[in-house]
N, C-alpha and C. Protein backbone atom coordinates (compact mmCIF):
# COMPACT_ATOMS: atom_id res chain seq x y z
N MET A 1 92.16 126.90 77.13
CA MET A 1 92.08 125.27 77.20
C MET A 1 92.99 124.21 77.64
N THR A 2 93.09 123.54 79.08
CA THR A 2 94.27 123.41 79.59
C THR A 2 94.56 122.22 78.37
N LEU A 3 95.70 121.50 78.82
CA LEU A 3 95.93 120.17 78.76
C LEU A 3 95.61 119.14 79.04
N SER A 4 95.05 119.43 79.79
CA SER A 4 94.08 118.02 80.15
C SER A 4 93.07 117.69 79.46
N GLU A 5 91.73 119.31 79.25
CA GLU A 5 91.27 119.23 77.75
C GLU A 5 90.63 118.75 76.82
N THR A 6 92.36 118.96 76.31
CA THR A 6 92.39 118.53 74.76
C THR A 6 92.94 117.47 74.64
N LEU A 7 93.36 116.34 75.32
CA LEU A 7 93.43 114.53 75.51
C LEU A 7 92.63 113.84 75.68
N PRO A 8 92.42 112.94 75.16
CA PRO A 8 91.88 112.26 75.48
C PRO A 8 91.69 111.39 76.55
N ASP A 9 91.31 110.76 77.61
CA ASP A 9 91.60 110.03 79.11
C ASP A 9 91.64 108.36 78.24
N ASP A 10 93.03 108.23 77.63
CA ASP A 10 93.13 106.83 77.37
C ASP A 10 93.27 106.15 78.15
N ARG A 11 93.28 106.90 79.44
CA ARG A 11 93.16 105.34 80.55
C ARG A 11 92.45 105.94 81.64
N PRO A 12 90.65 105.34 81.39
CA PRO A 12 90.00 105.72 82.30
C PRO A 12 89.83 105.21 83.77
N LEU A 13 89.99 106.03 84.93
CA LEU A 13 90.25 105.88 86.27
C LEU A 13 89.93 104.78 86.29
N GLY A 14 87.99 104.76 86.55
CA GLY A 14 87.09 104.10 87.40
C GLY A 14 87.70 102.75 87.00
N GLN A 15 87.77 102.70 85.51
CA GLN A 15 88.01 101.49 84.60
C GLN A 15 88.84 100.56 85.75
N ALA A 16 90.27 101.10 85.82
CA ALA A 16 91.56 101.09 86.13
C ALA A 16 91.26 100.24 87.75
N MET A 17 90.10 100.83 88.47
CA MET A 17 90.74 101.18 90.21
C MET A 17 89.14 99.40 90.10
N LEU A 18 88.77 99.26 89.31
CA LEU A 18 87.87 98.26 89.31
C LEU A 18 88.52 96.90 88.71
N ARG A 19 89.29 97.06 87.97
CA ARG A 19 90.75 96.44 87.35
C ARG A 19 91.32 96.01 88.52
N GLY A 20 92.07 97.03 89.23
CA GLY A 20 93.21 96.67 90.81
C GLY A 20 92.18 95.85 91.24
N LEU A 21 90.85 96.33 92.31
CA LEU A 21 90.55 95.91 93.04
C LEU A 21 89.81 94.43 93.57
N ARG A 22 89.63 93.71 91.67
CA ARG A 22 89.53 93.08 91.71
C ARG A 22 90.95 91.87 91.15
N CYS A 23 92.91 93.05 91.42
CA CYS A 23 93.78 92.58 91.32
C CYS A 23 94.47 91.78 89.88
N LEU A 24 93.75 92.68 89.08
CA LEU A 24 93.80 92.30 87.68
C LEU A 24 94.91 93.32 87.15
N CYS A 25 95.79 93.69 86.15
CA CYS A 25 96.17 94.17 85.53
C CYS A 25 95.38 95.95 84.79
N PRO A 26 96.01 96.86 85.32
CA PRO A 26 94.63 97.61 84.83
C PRO A 26 95.15 97.85 83.15
N SER A 27 95.68 97.88 82.65
CA SER A 27 96.20 97.97 81.47
C SER A 27 95.83 96.50 80.76
N CYS A 28 94.96 95.54 80.92
CA CYS A 28 94.76 94.62 80.13
C CYS A 28 93.29 94.67 80.25
N GLY A 29 93.36 94.15 81.95
CA GLY A 29 92.09 93.65 82.88
C GLY A 29 92.29 92.14 82.95
N GLU A 30 93.37 91.49 81.72
CA GLU A 30 93.19 89.71 82.64
C GLU A 30 94.61 89.24 82.97
N GLY A 31 95.75 89.92 82.69
CA GLY A 31 96.92 89.29 83.79
C GLY A 31 96.08 89.38 85.04
N ARG A 32 96.70 88.25 86.51
CA ARG A 32 96.87 88.86 87.77
C ARG A 32 98.43 90.00 87.89
N ILE A 33 98.17 90.73 88.93
CA ILE A 33 98.98 91.61 89.47
C ILE A 33 99.97 91.28 90.95
N MET A 34 98.92 90.61 92.14
CA MET A 34 99.31 89.35 92.70
C MET A 34 100.32 88.30 92.23
N ASN A 35 101.53 88.33 92.85
CA ASN A 35 102.55 87.25 92.49
C ASN A 35 102.56 86.11 94.55
N GLY A 36 102.05 87.20 95.29
CA GLY A 36 101.83 86.42 96.70
C GLY A 36 101.14 87.23 97.37
N TYR A 37 100.63 86.78 98.21
CA TYR A 37 99.72 88.33 99.11
C TYR A 37 99.35 89.10 98.65
N LEU A 38 101.14 90.12 99.08
CA LEU A 38 100.88 91.02 99.09
C LEU A 38 102.48 91.79 97.69
N THR A 39 102.88 90.65 97.39
CA THR A 39 103.59 90.87 96.52
C THR A 39 103.07 91.43 94.86
N LEU A 40 103.65 92.34 94.36
CA LEU A 40 103.58 92.09 92.61
C LEU A 40 104.10 91.62 91.61
N HIS A 41 104.12 91.02 90.93
CA HIS A 41 104.68 90.80 89.23
C HIS A 41 105.31 92.49 89.18
N LYS A 42 105.81 91.63 88.55
CA LYS A 42 107.22 93.16 88.06
C LYS A 42 106.88 93.53 86.72
N ALA A 43 105.78 92.40 85.73
CA ALA A 43 104.83 92.95 84.50
C ALA A 43 104.04 91.56 84.45
N CYS A 44 102.66 92.36 84.17
CA CYS A 44 101.39 91.93 84.02
C CYS A 44 102.07 90.08 83.64
N PRO A 45 101.67 89.10 83.51
CA PRO A 45 101.21 88.20 82.69
C PRO A 45 101.18 88.16 81.64
N ALA A 46 100.02 88.42 81.30
CA ALA A 46 99.27 88.58 80.02
C ALA A 46 99.59 89.76 78.93
N CYS A 47 100.64 91.12 78.93
CA CYS A 47 99.79 91.53 78.35
C CYS A 47 101.27 92.99 78.00
N GLY A 48 102.11 92.32 79.31
CA GLY A 48 103.59 92.92 79.73
C GLY A 48 103.87 93.52 79.88
N GLU A 49 103.11 94.86 80.44
CA GLU A 49 102.55 96.37 81.02
C GLU A 49 104.07 95.95 82.57
N ASP A 50 104.79 97.27 82.64
CA ASP A 50 105.83 97.30 83.13
C ASP A 50 105.27 97.19 84.43
N LEU A 51 104.89 96.63 86.19
CA LEU A 51 104.41 97.73 87.13
C LEU A 51 105.30 97.58 88.12
N SER A 52 106.05 97.72 88.11
CA SER A 52 107.36 98.38 88.86
C SER A 52 107.58 99.29 88.75
N HIS A 53 107.26 100.45 88.53
CA HIS A 53 106.93 101.79 88.76
C HIS A 53 106.05 101.53 89.70
N GLN A 54 104.97 100.73 91.34
CA GLN A 54 104.76 100.83 91.50
C GLN A 54 104.93 101.98 93.04
N ARG A 55 104.22 102.88 93.45
CA ARG A 55 104.39 103.03 94.91
C ARG A 55 103.13 103.10 96.10
N THR A 56 102.81 101.37 96.28
CA THR A 56 101.89 101.98 97.01
C THR A 56 102.10 102.52 98.70
N ASP A 57 102.89 102.11 98.50
CA ASP A 57 103.72 101.98 100.16
C ASP A 57 102.50 101.76 101.46
N ASP A 58 102.68 102.52 102.92
CA ASP A 58 101.28 102.48 103.24
C ASP A 58 99.46 102.47 102.71
N GLY A 59 99.63 103.24 101.35
CA GLY A 59 98.06 103.49 101.14
C GLY A 59 97.14 102.37 101.11
N PRO A 60 97.38 101.76 101.23
CA PRO A 60 96.92 100.39 101.13
C PRO A 60 96.28 100.07 102.27
N ALA A 61 96.90 100.23 103.74
CA ALA A 61 97.11 99.44 105.13
C ALA A 61 96.40 100.96 105.61
N TYR A 62 95.75 101.60 105.26
CA TYR A 62 95.37 102.94 106.21
C TYR A 62 93.90 103.02 105.03
N LEU A 63 94.02 102.32 104.06
CA LEU A 63 92.32 102.34 103.31
C LEU A 63 91.51 101.67 103.87
N THR A 64 92.75 100.50 104.14
CA THR A 64 91.41 99.06 105.40
C THR A 64 91.37 98.96 106.48
N ILE A 65 92.39 100.50 107.35
CA ILE A 65 92.37 100.55 108.55
C ILE A 65 91.07 101.37 108.46
N LEU A 66 90.54 102.64 107.88
CA LEU A 66 89.60 103.16 107.47
C LEU A 66 88.56 102.53 106.83
N ILE A 67 88.09 101.16 106.48
CA ILE A 67 87.26 100.79 106.06
C ILE A 67 86.69 99.65 106.92
N VAL A 68 87.82 99.35 107.34
CA VAL A 68 87.43 98.26 108.51
C VAL A 68 86.96 98.52 109.89
N GLY A 69 87.32 99.76 110.10
CA GLY A 69 87.07 100.86 111.57
C GLY A 69 85.61 101.27 110.48
N LYS A 70 84.89 101.53 110.06
CA LYS A 70 83.48 101.85 109.65
C LYS A 70 82.16 100.81 109.38
N ILE A 71 83.19 100.40 109.17
CA ILE A 71 82.02 98.73 108.69
C ILE A 71 82.11 98.55 110.60
N LEU A 72 82.49 97.88 111.15
CA LEU A 72 82.74 97.64 112.60
C LEU A 72 82.08 97.69 113.22
N ALA A 73 82.73 98.94 113.71
CA ALA A 73 82.56 100.23 114.54
C ALA A 73 80.93 100.11 114.76
N PRO A 74 79.74 100.93 114.19
CA PRO A 74 79.28 100.89 113.95
C PRO A 74 78.48 99.48 114.29
N LEU A 75 79.03 97.85 113.90
CA LEU A 75 78.36 97.26 113.89
C LEU A 75 78.93 96.32 115.27
N LEU A 76 79.34 96.88 115.89
CA LEU A 76 79.25 96.22 117.49
C LEU A 76 78.56 97.26 118.60
N LEU A 77 78.29 98.37 117.87
CA LEU A 77 77.32 98.88 118.46
C LEU A 77 76.79 98.69 118.63
N VAL A 78 75.96 98.50 117.46
CA VAL A 78 73.98 97.52 117.34
C VAL A 78 73.93 96.46 118.03
N VAL A 79 75.06 95.52 118.27
CA VAL A 79 75.52 94.28 118.28
C VAL A 79 75.50 94.28 120.35
N TYR A 80 75.96 95.17 120.48
CA TYR A 80 76.18 95.61 122.08
C TYR A 80 74.34 95.67 122.17
N THR A 81 74.28 96.54 121.53
CA THR A 81 72.77 97.29 122.35
C THR A 81 71.82 96.87 121.95
N VAL A 82 71.88 95.61 120.87
CA VAL A 82 70.85 94.46 120.59
C VAL A 82 70.88 93.44 121.44
N TYR A 83 72.20 93.06 121.22
CA TYR A 83 72.37 91.88 121.69
C TYR A 83 72.67 91.31 123.03
N ARG A 84 73.66 91.63 123.23
CA ARG A 84 73.97 92.40 124.72
C ARG A 84 74.92 91.25 125.47
N PRO A 85 75.77 90.56 124.41
CA PRO A 85 76.25 89.20 124.23
C PRO A 85 77.87 89.22 125.49
N GLU A 86 77.79 88.49 125.70
CA GLU A 86 78.74 87.97 126.56
C GLU A 86 80.00 88.47 126.17
N PRO A 87 81.13 89.24 127.03
CA PRO A 87 82.41 89.95 126.73
C PRO A 87 83.67 88.95 125.71
N TRP A 88 83.42 87.46 125.60
CA TRP A 88 84.07 86.84 125.70
C TRP A 88 83.60 86.27 123.76
N VAL A 89 82.67 86.97 123.74
CA VAL A 89 81.62 86.29 122.93
C VAL A 89 82.18 87.12 121.63
N THR A 90 81.54 88.53 122.45
CA THR A 90 82.13 90.16 121.55
C THR A 90 83.49 89.77 121.23
N ILE A 91 84.15 89.30 121.69
CA ILE A 91 85.35 89.99 121.71
C ILE A 91 86.15 88.61 120.74
N ALA A 92 85.73 87.28 120.87
CA ALA A 92 86.15 86.02 119.56
C ALA A 92 85.22 86.68 117.85
N LEU A 93 83.82 87.47 118.07
CA LEU A 93 82.85 87.61 116.92
C LEU A 93 83.59 88.82 116.36
N PHE A 94 83.86 89.58 116.79
CA PHE A 94 84.59 90.93 116.36
C PHE A 94 85.99 91.11 116.10
N SER A 95 87.01 90.33 116.73
CA SER A 95 88.67 89.90 116.57
C SER A 95 88.25 89.76 115.17
N THR A 96 87.45 88.15 115.07
CA THR A 96 87.80 87.10 114.05
C THR A 96 87.23 88.31 112.38
N GLY A 97 86.21 88.98 113.09
CA GLY A 97 85.59 90.14 111.58
C GLY A 97 87.21 90.88 111.43
N CYS A 98 87.68 91.41 112.16
CA CYS A 98 88.67 92.59 111.95
C CYS A 98 89.21 91.85 111.12
N VAL A 99 89.93 90.53 111.78
CA VAL A 99 91.44 89.61 110.76
C VAL A 99 90.74 89.33 109.51
N ALA A 100 89.70 88.77 109.74
CA ALA A 100 89.32 88.56 108.44
C ALA A 100 88.82 89.35 107.10
N LEU A 101 88.66 90.46 107.39
CA LEU A 101 87.42 91.80 106.71
C LEU A 101 89.41 92.35 106.71
N SER A 102 90.15 92.65 107.47
CA SER A 102 91.50 93.13 106.74
C SER A 102 91.89 92.21 105.76
N LEU A 103 91.95 91.18 105.67
CA LEU A 103 93.16 89.97 104.77
C LEU A 103 92.27 90.31 103.51
N ALA A 104 91.21 90.22 103.81
CA ALA A 104 90.74 90.32 102.63
C ALA A 104 90.39 91.60 101.91
N LEU A 105 90.73 92.94 101.99
CA LEU A 105 90.67 94.62 101.65
C LEU A 105 91.76 94.78 101.20
N LEU A 106 93.63 93.96 101.86
CA LEU A 106 94.38 94.73 101.71
C LEU A 106 95.02 94.56 100.82
N PRO A 107 94.81 93.42 100.43
CA PRO A 107 95.85 92.92 98.45
C PRO A 107 94.25 93.49 97.46
N ARG A 108 93.74 93.89 98.19
CA ARG A 108 92.63 94.62 96.77
C ARG A 108 92.68 96.17 96.71
N PHE A 109 92.79 96.55 98.40
CA PHE A 109 92.97 98.41 98.17
C PHE A 109 95.01 98.07 97.93
N LYS A 110 95.73 97.52 97.36
CA LYS A 110 96.48 97.52 97.07
C LYS A 110 96.89 97.52 96.03
N GLY A 111 95.82 96.84 94.90
CA GLY A 111 95.65 96.43 93.64
C GLY A 111 94.52 98.36 93.19
N MET A 112 94.36 98.22 93.87
CA MET A 112 92.60 100.03 93.31
C MET A 112 94.76 100.39 93.22
N MET A 113 94.96 101.24 94.34
CA MET A 113 96.31 102.24 94.26
C MET A 113 97.06 102.02 93.59
N LEU A 114 97.63 100.16 93.12
CA LEU A 114 98.17 100.32 91.47
C LEU A 114 97.60 100.65 90.15
N GLY A 115 95.98 100.52 90.09
CA GLY A 115 95.34 101.22 88.48
C GLY A 115 95.22 102.48 88.55
N ILE A 116 95.21 103.34 90.59
CA ILE A 116 95.25 104.91 90.14
C ILE A 116 96.77 105.40 89.75
N GLN A 117 97.15 104.57 90.01
CA GLN A 117 98.72 104.99 89.36
C GLN A 117 98.76 105.45 88.49
N TRP A 118 98.63 103.77 87.41
CA TRP A 118 98.87 103.43 86.09
C TRP A 118 98.53 104.96 85.32
N SER A 119 96.84 104.76 86.16
CA SER A 119 95.63 105.66 84.97
C SER A 119 95.87 107.12 85.29
N ARG A 120 97.03 107.54 86.01
CA ARG A 120 97.20 109.25 86.49
C ARG A 120 97.78 108.80 85.73
N ARG A 121 98.98 108.06 85.33
CA ARG A 121 100.37 107.64 84.59
C ARG A 121 101.68 108.71 85.84
N MET A 122 101.28 107.80 87.14
CA MET A 122 102.14 108.36 87.92
C MET A 122 103.01 107.54 88.60
N HIS A 123 104.73 107.87 89.28
CA HIS A 123 106.02 106.73 89.24
C HIS A 123 105.77 106.67 87.51
N GLY A 124 106.16 106.87 86.86
CA GLY A 124 106.81 106.62 85.72
C GLY A 124 106.15 105.81 84.82
N PHE A 125 104.64 105.21 85.18
CA PHE A 125 104.35 104.35 84.49
C PHE A 125 103.37 105.37 83.01
N GLY A 126 103.69 106.70 83.18
CA GLY A 126 103.28 107.40 81.50
C GLY A 126 104.21 107.58 80.35
N GLU A 127 105.65 106.76 81.05
CA GLU A 127 106.62 107.25 80.13
C GLU A 127 106.76 105.99 79.19
N ALA A 128 107.11 106.44 77.71
CA ALA A 128 107.16 105.51 76.62
C ALA A 128 107.86 103.86 76.91
């Protein structure tokens, strides 16, 4: 038996990720973790969980680029082959969609990565 098999999972990964996607505290699920657009509170306003340990770095940006590309590239192909819009219409629509989708996803992915780190006790989240 390994150590992971003997200890109960008191921090479920799925729940922490979903709370992070909603920009809520991964511990209590009530406090908002964002202080601004991408800045995090030092601690959860509701339960006081210390969030200063987080190290999301470039992970949310990479995930955002990956997901936005996976959504917009096939959509661009379909729109171009079916409707054949003018180039300026294509540029206007897809650049606006790219910016809007990126701005919507980036803070959510940051919260999700914070939830993963909290759940797996990474970067000091497991210390008493």
